[in-house]
Protein backbone atom coordinates (compact mmCIF):
# COMPACT_ATOMS: atom_id res chain seq x y z
CA ASN A 1 -14.83 10.21 -9.00
CA ILE A 2 -15.91 13.75 -8.97
CA PRO A 3 -19.34 14.80 -11.04
CA PHE A 4 -17.49 18.08 -11.43
CA SER A 5 -14.69 19.49 -13.33
CA SER A 6 -13.10 22.37 -14.71
CA LEU A 7 -14.27 22.36 -17.64
CA ASN A 8 -17.71 22.02 -16.38
CA ASP A 9 -19.82 25.22 -15.75
CA ILE A 10 -22.58 23.40 -13.52
CA ILE A 11 -22.45 25.43 -10.28
CA PRO A 12 -22.75 22.42 -7.28
CA SER A 13 -25.14 22.15 -5.01
CA ASP A 14 -24.33 23.24 -1.43
CA VAL A 15 -24.38 18.88 -0.49
CA ASP A 16 -22.21 18.54 -3.58
CA ALA A 17 -19.91 21.46 -2.41
CA ARG A 18 -19.46 19.91 0.70
CA ARG A 19 -18.57 17.00 -0.70
CA ILE A 20 -16.28 18.40 -3.48
CA LYS A 21 -14.68 20.35 -0.07
CA THR A 22 -14.40 17.09 1.85
CA SER A 23 -12.68 15.16 -1.12
CA LEU A 24 -10.50 18.02 -1.77
CA THR A 25 -9.05 18.12 1.72
CA HIS A 26 -8.68 14.51 1.56
CA ALA A 27 -6.63 14.71 -2.05
CA THR A 28 -4.80 17.67 -0.18
CA LEU A 29 -3.61 15.49 2.59
CA GLU A 30 -2.81 12.62 0.18
CA LEU A 31 -0.76 14.58 -2.10
CA LYS A 32 1.07 15.99 0.82
CA GLN A 33 1.88 12.41 2.07
CA LEU A 34 2.70 11.43 -1.09
CA GLU A 35 5.52 14.27 -1.54
CA SER A 36 6.69 13.80 1.90
CA ASN A 37 7.31 9.98 0.88
CA ILE A 38 8.79 11.02 -2.28
CA THR A 39 11.25 13.40 -0.71
CA GLN A 40 12.23 10.58 1.85
CA THR A 41 12.49 7.79 -0.87
CA GLN A 42 14.94 10.59 -2.70
CA ARG A 43 17.01 10.78 0.06
CA ARG A 44 17.31 7.27 0.87
CA LEU A 45 18.33 6.60 -2.89
CA GLU A 46 21.01 9.36 -2.67
CA SER A 47 22.14 7.66 0.53
CA LEU A 48 21.92 4.05 -1.04
CA CYS A 49 23.96 5.59 -4.31
CA ALA A 50 26.52 7.20 -2.02
CA ARG A 51 27.47 4.00 0.00
CA ARG A 52 27.68 1.76 -3.45
CA ASP A 53 30.11 4.27 -4.76
CA GLU A 54 31.90 3.71 -1.29
CA MET A 55 31.65 0.07 -2.15
CA VAL A 56 33.03 0.23 -5.62
CA ASP A 57 35.41 2.05 -4.71
CA GLN A 58 36.68 -0.54 -1.71
CA THR A 59 35.77 -3.69 -3.97
CA GLU A 60 38.20 -2.01 -6.54
CA ARG A 61 41.20 -1.48 -3.76
CA TYR A 62 40.85 -5.08 -2.92
CA ARG A 63 41.13 -6.32 -6.62
CA ILE A 64 44.03 -3.93 -6.71
CA ALA A 65 45.43 -4.94 -3.76
CA LEU A 66 45.27 -8.89 -5.23
CA ALA A 67 46.29 -8.14 -8.81
CA PRO A 68 48.96 -10.79 -9.76
CA TYR A 69 51.30 -8.77 -10.98
CA LYS A 70 52.24 -7.94 -7.24
CA ARG A 71 53.24 -11.16 -6.77
CA LEU A 72 56.10 -11.02 -9.60
CA PRO A 73 59.55 -11.01 -8.24
CA PRO A 74 61.37 -7.80 -9.35
CA GLU A 75 63.60 -9.77 -11.68
CA ILE A 76 60.49 -10.70 -13.74
CA LEU A 77 59.36 -7.04 -13.51
CA ARG A 78 62.46 -6.06 -14.95
CA GLU A 79 62.61 -8.15 -17.74
CA ILE A 80 58.98 -7.21 -18.76
CA PHE A 81 60.00 -3.81 -18.32
CA VAL A 82 62.99 -4.13 -20.67
CA ALA A 83 60.88 -6.07 -23.24
CA CYS A 84 58.28 -2.92 -23.31
CA LEU A 85 61.08 -0.42 -24.73
CA PRO A 86 60.34 0.56 -27.80
CA GLU A 87 62.00 -0.43 -30.90
CA THR A 88 63.07 3.24 -31.98
CA VAL A 89 64.88 5.67 -29.19
CA HIS A 90 63.28 8.97 -28.83
CA LEU A 91 65.14 12.15 -27.87
CA PRO A 92 63.81 13.41 -25.81
CA PRO A 93 61.76 9.96 -24.62
CA ARG A 94 58.04 9.72 -25.42
CA THR A 95 55.99 10.08 -21.86
CA ASP A 96 53.51 7.42 -23.17
CA GLU A 97 56.42 4.94 -23.88
CA ALA A 98 58.42 2.91 -21.75
CA PRO A 99 60.68 3.51 -19.81
CA LEU A 100 58.92 6.93 -18.71
CA VAL A 101 55.49 5.47 -18.74
CA LEU A 102 56.27 2.61 -16.17
CA THR A 103 57.66 5.27 -13.54
CA ARG A 104 54.09 6.53 -13.23
CA VAL A 105 52.29 3.26 -12.59
CA CYS A 106 53.11 2.95 -8.88
CA ALA A 107 55.50 4.11 -6.60
CA SER A 108 56.78 0.64 -6.65
CA TRP A 109 57.13 0.43 -10.41
CA ARG A 110 58.85 3.77 -10.34
CA ILE A 111 61.44 2.74 -7.93
CA LEU A 112 61.97 -0.08 -9.77
CA ALA A 113 61.98 1.37 -13.21
CA LEU A 114 64.57 3.95 -12.12
CA ASP A 115 66.47 1.30 -10.91
CA THR A 116 66.68 -0.62 -14.00
CA GLN A 117 70.01 0.46 -15.45
CA GLU A 118 69.05 -1.32 -19.02
CA LEU A 119 65.87 0.90 -19.21
CA TRP A 120 68.21 4.22 -19.40
């Protein structure tokens, strides 16, 4: 839009200089407005991302609360726990195998596993 550029060595006339100054003022104002809009948009994006993270956590808690294994009676869980025992007994027991790993899933599994004599 501007007939003069930083690479142009022509000196602008007074009329052209006034037009360029006016254009510079308008461009500077628009630049400030754009920067302000970008800042506001970034803040909004951060807020939306934080809310999304909260909703991801909340939906995961709901899914966990409705997990089918939570409806299994303790007798069935005990049978499953016993079936999970490794064929070879390790001394000391391995922490990444039943029965120890079962005690780390949740509080109710810990209580049930510790109370299941066949595991120990």
